[in-house]
């Protein structure tokens, strides 16, 4: 199985026509936003109490 790295993707992306580069950028941005939303959802659902202990001010920031 071949390993795909970000560098490989970027090198290949730079060889695409500009229209395709823009489409790929949009896809990557959507993927990044979805992954970030997933991480934030998992963090918000965590009931371990770690974040309240490690970052006591985080509760105040989340409520703003």
PDB file of N, CA and C in Angstrom:
ATOM      1  N   UNK A   1       0.841  -1.179   0.000  1.00  0.00           N
ATOM      2  CA  UNK A   1       0.000   0.000   0.000  1.00  0.00           C
ATOM      3  C   UNK A   1       0.886   1.243   0.000  1.00  0.00           C
ATOM      4  N   UNK A   2       0.621   2.157  -0.882  1.00  0.00           N
ATOM      5  CA  UNK A   2       1.410   3.377  -1.001  1.00  0.00           C
ATOM      6  C   UNK A   2       0.978   4.389   0.053  1.00  0.00           C
ATOM      7  N   UNK A   3       1.963   5.115   0.563  1.00  0.00           N
ATOM      8  CA  UNK A   3       1.685   6.165   1.531  1.00  0.00           C
ATOM      9  C   UNK A   3       1.508   7.482   0.797  1.00  0.00           C
ATOM     10  N   UNK A   4       0.425   8.171   1.103  1.00  0.00           N
ATOM     11  CA  UNK A   4       0.159   9.471   0.487  1.00  0.00           C
ATOM     12  C   UNK A   4       0.480  10.541   1.515  1.00  0.00           C
ATOM     13  N   UNK A   5       1.351  11.447   1.135  1.00  0.00           N
ATOM     14  CA  UNK A   5       1.709  12.534   2.032  1.00  0.00           C
ATOM     15  C   UNK A   5       1.124  13.838   1.512  1.00  0.00           C
ATOM     16  N   UNK A   6       1.029  14.811   2.390  1.00  0.00           N
ATOM     17  CA  UNK A   6       0.543  16.125   1.989  1.00  0.00           C
ATOM     18  C   UNK A   6       1.455  16.716   0.919  1.00  0.00           C
ATOM     19  N   UNK A   7       2.748  16.518   1.055  1.00  0.00           N
ATOM     20  CA  UNK A   7       3.697  17.035   0.079  1.00  0.00           C
ATOM     21  C   UNK A   7       3.420  16.460  -1.312  1.00  0.00           C
ATOM     22  N   UNK A   8       3.156  15.166  -1.389  1.00  0.00           N
ATOM     23  CA  UNK A   8       2.848  14.527  -2.666  1.00  0.00           C
ATOM     24  C   UNK A   8       1.588  15.119  -3.283  1.00  0.00           C
ATOM     25  N   UNK A   9       0.571  15.298  -2.460  1.00  0.00           N
ATOM     26  CA  UNK A   9      -0.683  15.871  -2.947  1.00  0.00           C
ATOM     27  C   UNK A   9      -0.449  17.284  -3.457  1.00  0.00           C
ATOM     28  N   UNK A  10       0.312  18.085  -2.718  1.00  0.00           N
ATOM     29  CA  UNK A  10       0.560  19.466  -3.123  1.00  0.00           C
ATOM     30  C   UNK A  10       1.359  19.556  -4.420  1.00  0.00           C
ATOM     31  N   UNK A  11       2.353  18.686  -4.569  1.00  0.00           N
ATOM     32  CA  UNK A  11       3.139  18.673  -5.799  1.00  0.00           C
ATOM     33  C   UNK A  11       2.244  18.355  -6.995  1.00  0.00           C
ATOM     34  N   UNK A  12       1.392  17.361  -6.842  1.00  0.00           N
ATOM     35  CA  UNK A  12       0.488  17.002  -7.930  1.00  0.00           C
ATOM     36  C   UNK A  12      -0.552  18.089  -8.168  1.00  0.00           C
ATOM     37  N   UNK A  13      -1.022  18.719  -7.098  1.00  0.00           N
ATOM     38  CA  UNK A  13      -2.040  19.767  -7.224  1.00  0.00           C
ATOM     39  C   UNK A  13      -1.513  20.965  -7.999  1.00  0.00           C
ATOM     40  N   UNK A  14      -0.244  21.285  -7.813  1.00  0.00           N
ATOM     41  CA  UNK A  14       0.349  22.433  -8.517  1.00  0.00           C
ATOM     42  C   UNK A  14       0.424  22.200 -10.027  1.00  0.00           C
ATOM     43  N   UNK A  15       0.306  20.966 -10.446  1.00  0.00           N
ATOM     44  CA  UNK A  15       0.372  20.646 -11.874  1.00  0.00           C
ATOM     45  C   UNK A  15      -1.004  20.697 -12.536  1.00  0.00           C
ATOM     46  N   UNK A  16      -2.046  20.865 -11.751  1.00  0.00           N
ATOM     47  CA  UNK A  16      -3.407  20.908 -12.280  1.00  0.00           C
ATOM     48  C   UNK A  16      -3.711  22.282 -12.876  1.00  0.00           C
ATOM     49  N   UNK A  17      -4.666  22.342 -13.786  1.00  0.00           N
ATOM     50  CA  UNK A  17      -5.132  23.643 -14.266  1.00  0.00           C
ATOM     51  C   UNK A  17      -5.701  24.446 -13.095  1.00  0.00           C
ATOM     52  N   UNK A  18      -5.697  25.767 -13.206  1.00  0.00           N
ATOM     53  CA  UNK A  18      -6.134  26.629 -12.103  1.00  0.00           C
ATOM     54  C   UNK A  18      -7.552  26.312 -11.624  1.00  0.00           C
ATOM     55  N   UNK A  19      -8.437  26.012 -12.546  1.00  0.00           N
ATOM     56  CA  UNK A  19      -9.824  25.694 -12.166  1.00  0.00           C
ATOM     57  C   UNK A  19      -9.859  24.453 -11.273  1.00  0.00           C
ATOM     58  N   UNK A  20      -9.078  23.457 -11.623  1.00  0.00           N
ATOM     59  CA  UNK A  20      -9.031  22.236 -10.818  1.00  0.00           C
ATOM     60  C   UNK A  20      -8.341  22.484  -9.474  1.00  0.00           C
ATOM     61  N   UNK A  21      -7.334  23.368  -9.466  1.00  0.00           N
ATOM     62  CA  UNK A  21      -6.680  23.718  -8.208  1.00  0.00           C
ATOM     63  C   UNK A  21      -7.679  24.360  -7.252  1.00  0.00           C
ATOM     64  N   UNK A  22      -8.517  25.238  -7.787  1.00  0.00           N
ATOM     65  CA  UNK A  22      -9.525  25.904  -6.957  1.00  0.00           C
ATOM     66  C   UNK A  22     -10.524  24.884  -6.415  1.00  0.00           C
ATOM     67  N   UNK A  23     -10.928  23.945  -7.233  1.00  0.00           N
ATOM     68  CA  UNK A  23     -11.867  22.903  -6.799  1.00  0.00           C
ATOM     69  C   UNK A  23     -11.237  22.039  -5.708  1.00  0.00           C
ATOM     70  N   UNK A  24      -9.990  21.666  -5.881  1.00  0.00           N
ATOM     71  CA  UNK A  24      -9.283  20.859  -4.886  1.00  0.00           C
ATOM     72  C   UNK A  24      -9.132  21.631  -3.578  1.00  0.00           C
ATOM     73  N   UNK A  25      -8.821  22.900  -3.674  1.00  0.00           N
ATOM     74  CA  UNK A  25      -8.708  23.727  -2.470  1.00  0.00           C
ATOM     75  C   UNK A  25     -10.026  23.762  -1.718  1.00  0.00           C
ATOM     76  N   UNK A  26     -11.127  23.896  -2.428  1.00  0.00           N
ATOM     77  CA  UNK A  26     -12.446  23.912  -1.786  1.00  0.00           C
ATOM     78  C   UNK A  26     -12.730  22.579  -1.090  1.00  0.00           C
ATOM     79  N   UNK A  27     -12.387  21.489  -1.733  1.00  0.00           N
ATOM     80  CA  UNK A  27     -12.592  20.160  -1.142  1.00  0.00           C
ATOM     81  C   UNK A  27     -11.753  20.011   0.125  1.00  0.00           C
ATOM     82  N   UNK A  28     -10.495  20.429   0.061  1.00  0.00           N
ATOM     83  CA  UNK A  28      -9.611  20.312   1.222  1.00  0.00           C
ATOM     84  C   UNK A  28     -10.083  21.197   2.377  1.00  0.00           C
ATOM     85  N   UNK A  29     -10.573  22.390   2.067  1.00  0.00           N
ATOM     86  CA  UNK A  29     -11.090  23.276   3.108  1.00  0.00           C
ATOM     87  C   UNK A  29     -12.325  22.683   3.776  1.00  0.00           C
ATOM     88  N   UNK A  30     -13.207  22.086   2.978  1.00  0.00           N
ATOM     89  CA  UNK A  30     -14.391  21.420   3.538  1.00  0.00           C
ATOM     90  C   UNK A  30     -13.985  20.283   4.463  1.00  0.00           C
ATOM     91  N   UNK A  31     -13.020  19.484   4.013  1.00  0.00           N
ATOM     92  CA  UNK A  31     -12.532  18.359   4.810  1.00  0.00           C
ATOM     93  C   UNK A  31     -11.913  18.856   6.116  1.00  0.00           C
ATOM     94  N   UNK A  32     -11.130  19.917   6.035  1.00  0.00           N
ATOM     95  CA  UNK A  32     -10.514  20.482   7.237  1.00  0.00           C
ATOM     96  C   UNK A  32     -11.582  20.963   8.213  1.00  0.00           C
ATOM     97  N   UNK A  33     -12.598  21.640   7.709  1.00  0.00           N
ATOM     98  CA  UNK A  33     -13.674  22.149   8.567  1.00  0.00           C
ATOM     99  C   UNK A  33     -14.445  21.000   9.212  1.00  0.00           C
ATOM    100  N   UNK A  34     -14.704  19.938   8.454  1.00  0.00           N
ATOM    101  CA  UNK A  34     -15.408  18.783   9.012  1.00  0.00           C
ATOM    102  C   UNK A  34     -14.592  18.100  10.103  1.00  0.00           C
ATOM    103  N   UNK A  35     -13.298  17.963   9.868  1.00  0.00           N
ATOM    104  CA  UNK A  35     -12.439  17.337  10.878  1.00  0.00           C
ATOM    105  C   UNK A  35     -12.372  18.187  12.139  1.00  0.00           C
ATOM    106  N   UNK A  36     -12.282  19.504  11.967  1.00  0.00           N
ATOM    107  CA  UNK A  36     -12.249  20.391  13.115  1.00  0.00           C
ATOM    108  C   UNK A  36     -13.556  20.298  13.894  1.00  0.00           C
ATOM    109  N   UNK A  37     -14.680  20.269  13.203  1.00  0.00           N
ATOM    110  CA  UNK A  37     -15.980  20.151  13.866  1.00  0.00           C
ATOM    111  C   UNK A  37     -16.070  18.840  14.645  1.00  0.00           C
ATOM    112  N   UNK A  38     -15.551  17.766  14.075  1.00  0.00           N
ATOM    113  CA  UNK A  38     -15.558  16.469  14.752  1.00  0.00           C
ATOM    114  C   UNK A  38     -14.719  16.511  16.025  1.00  0.00           C
ATOM    115  N   UNK A  39     -13.548  17.103  15.929  1.00  0.00           N
ATOM    116  CA  UNK A  39     -12.669  17.209  17.099  1.00  0.00           C
ATOM    117  C   UNK A  39     -13.338  18.044  18.192  1.00  0.00           C
ATOM    118  N   UNK A  40     -13.949  19.170  17.802  1.00  0.00           N
ATOM    119  CA  UNK A  40     -14.613  20.018  18.788  1.00  0.00           C
ATOM    120  C   UNK A  40     -15.818  19.320  19.417  1.00  0.00           C
ATOM    121  N   UNK A  41     -16.567  18.561  18.614  1.00  0.00           N
ATOM    122  CA  UNK A  41     -17.697  17.795  19.153  1.00  0.00           C
ATOM    123  C   UNK A  41     -17.229  16.757  20.165  1.00  0.00           C
ATOM    124  N   UNK A  42     -16.142  16.052  19.835  1.00  0.00           N
ATOM    125  CA  UNK A  42     -15.608  15.057  20.759  1.00  0.00           C
ATOM    126  C   UNK A  42     -15.135  15.715  22.046  1.00  0.00           C
ATOM    127  N   UNK A  43     -14.493  16.868  21.924  1.00  0.00           N
ATOM    128  CA  UNK A  43     -14.006  17.584  23.101  1.00  0.00           C
ATOM    129  C   UNK A  43     -15.184  18.040  23.958  1.00  0.00           C
ATOM    130  N   UNK A  44     -16.220  18.571  23.326  1.00  0.00           N
ATOM    131  CA  UNK A  44     -17.385  19.059  24.065  1.00  0.00           C
ATOM    132  C   UNK A  44     -18.127  17.914  24.758  1.00  0.00           C
ATOM    133  N   UNK A  45     -18.101  16.728  24.165  1.00  0.00           N
ATOM    134  CA  UNK A  45     -18.806  15.573  24.737  1.00  0.00           C
ATOM    135  C   UNK A  45     -18.007  14.878  25.836  1.00  0.00           C
ATOM    136  N   UNK A  46     -16.743  15.227  25.980  1.00  0.00           N
ATOM    137  CA  UNK A  46     -15.876  14.592  26.976  1.00  0.00           C
ATOM    138  C   UNK A  46     -16.340  14.977  28.376  1.00  0.00           C
ATOM    139  N   UNK A  47     -16.688  13.984  29.162  1.00  0.00           N
ATOM    140  CA  UNK A  47     -17.183  14.204  30.523  1.00  0.00           C
ATOM    141  C   UNK A  47     -16.132  13.851  31.577  1.00  0.00           C
ATOM    142  N   UNK A  48     -14.875  13.709  31.163  1.00  0.00           N
ATOM    143  CA  UNK A  48     -13.843  13.281  32.103  1.00  0.00           C
ATOM    144  C   UNK A  48     -13.482  14.357  33.120  1.00  0.00           C
ATOM    145  N   UNK A  49     -13.771  15.619  32.799  1.00  0.00           N
ATOM    146  CA  UNK A  49     -13.416  16.715  33.687  1.00  0.00           C
ATOM    147  C   UNK A  49     -12.008  17.220  33.486  1.00  0.00           C
ATOM    148  N   UNK A  50     -11.281  16.605  32.547  1.00  0.00           N
ATOM    149  CA  UNK A  50      -9.887  17.002  32.322  1.00  0.00           C
ATOM    150  C   UNK A  50      -9.778  18.462  31.919  1.00  0.00           C
ATOM    151  N   UNK A  51     -10.615  18.906  30.980  1.00  0.00           N
ATOM    152  CA  UNK A  51     -10.479  20.282  30.500  1.00  0.00           C
ATOM    153  C   UNK A  51     -10.777  21.293  31.602  1.00  0.00           C
ATOM    154  N   UNK A  52     -11.741  21.011  32.470  1.00  0.00           N
ATOM    155  CA  UNK A  52     -12.036  21.926  33.566  1.00  0.00           C
ATOM    156  C   UNK A  52     -10.877  22.021  34.551  1.00  0.00           C
ATOM    157  N   UNK A  53     -10.178  20.901  34.742  1.00  0.00           N
ATOM    158  CA  UNK A  53      -9.033  20.885  35.646  1.00  0.00           C
ATOM    159  C   UNK A  53      -7.812  21.528  35.004  1.00  0.00           C
ATOM    160  N   UNK A  54      -7.557  21.165  33.744  1.00  0.00           N
ATOM    161  CA  UNK A  54      -6.363  21.649  33.054  1.00  0.00           C
ATOM    162  C   UNK A  54      -6.495  23.112  32.638  1.00  0.00           C
ATOM    163  N   UNK A  55      -7.695  23.493  32.228  1.00  0.00           N
ATOM    164  CA  UNK A  55      -7.931  24.854  31.754  1.00  0.00           C
ATOM    165  C   UNK A  55      -9.177  25.414  32.443  1.00  0.00           C
ATOM    166  N   UNK A  56      -9.045  25.867  33.683  1.00  0.00           N
ATOM    167  CA  UNK A  56     -10.228  26.303  34.421  1.00  0.00           C
ATOM    168  C   UNK A  56     -10.976  27.462  33.754  1.00  0.00           C
ATOM    169  N   UNK A  57     -10.306  28.257  32.963  1.00  0.00           N
ATOM    170  CA  UNK A  57     -10.974  29.385  32.307  1.00  0.00           C
ATOM    171  C   UNK A  57     -11.707  28.971  31.040  1.00  0.00           C
ATOM    172  N   UNK A  58     -11.562  27.727  30.600  1.00  0.00           N
ATOM    173  CA  UNK A  58     -12.183  27.313  29.342  1.00  0.00           C
ATOM    174  C   UNK A  58     -13.707  27.314  29.434  1.00  0.00           C
ATOM    175  N   UNK A  59     -14.273  27.012  30.584  1.00  0.00           N
ATOM    176  CA  UNK A  59     -15.724  27.025  30.739  1.00  0.00           C
ATOM    177  C   UNK A  59     -16.272  28.426  30.513  1.00  0.00           C
ATOM    178  N   UNK A  60     -15.578  29.422  31.040  1.00  0.00           N
ATOM    179  CA  UNK A  60     -16.017  30.813  30.854  1.00  0.00           C
ATOM    180  C   UNK A  60     -15.923  31.211  29.383  1.00  0.00           C
ATOM    181  N   UNK A  61     -14.871  30.783  28.709  1.00  0.00           N
ATOM    182  CA  UNK A  61     -14.720  31.118  27.288  1.00  0.00           C
ATOM    183  C   UNK A  61     -15.790  30.463  26.437  1.00  0.00           C
ATOM    184  N   UNK A  62     -16.143  29.208  26.764  1.00  0.00           N
ATOM    185  CA  UNK A  62     -17.162  28.501  25.983  1.00  0.00           C
ATOM    186  C   UNK A  62     -18.535  29.126  26.152  1.00  0.00           C
ATOM    187  N   UNK A  63     -18.802  29.726  27.309  1.00  0.00           N
ATOM    188  CA  UNK A  63     -20.126  30.282  27.543  1.00  0.00           C
ATOM    189  C   UNK A  63     -20.295  31.664  26.915  1.00  0.00           C
ATOM    190  N   UNK A  64     -19.211  32.264  26.449  1.00  0.00           N
ATOM    191  CA  UNK A  64     -19.306  33.595  25.828  1.00  0.00           C
ATOM    192  C   UNK A  64     -19.784  33.512  24.414  1.00  0.00           C
TER     193      UNK A  64
END
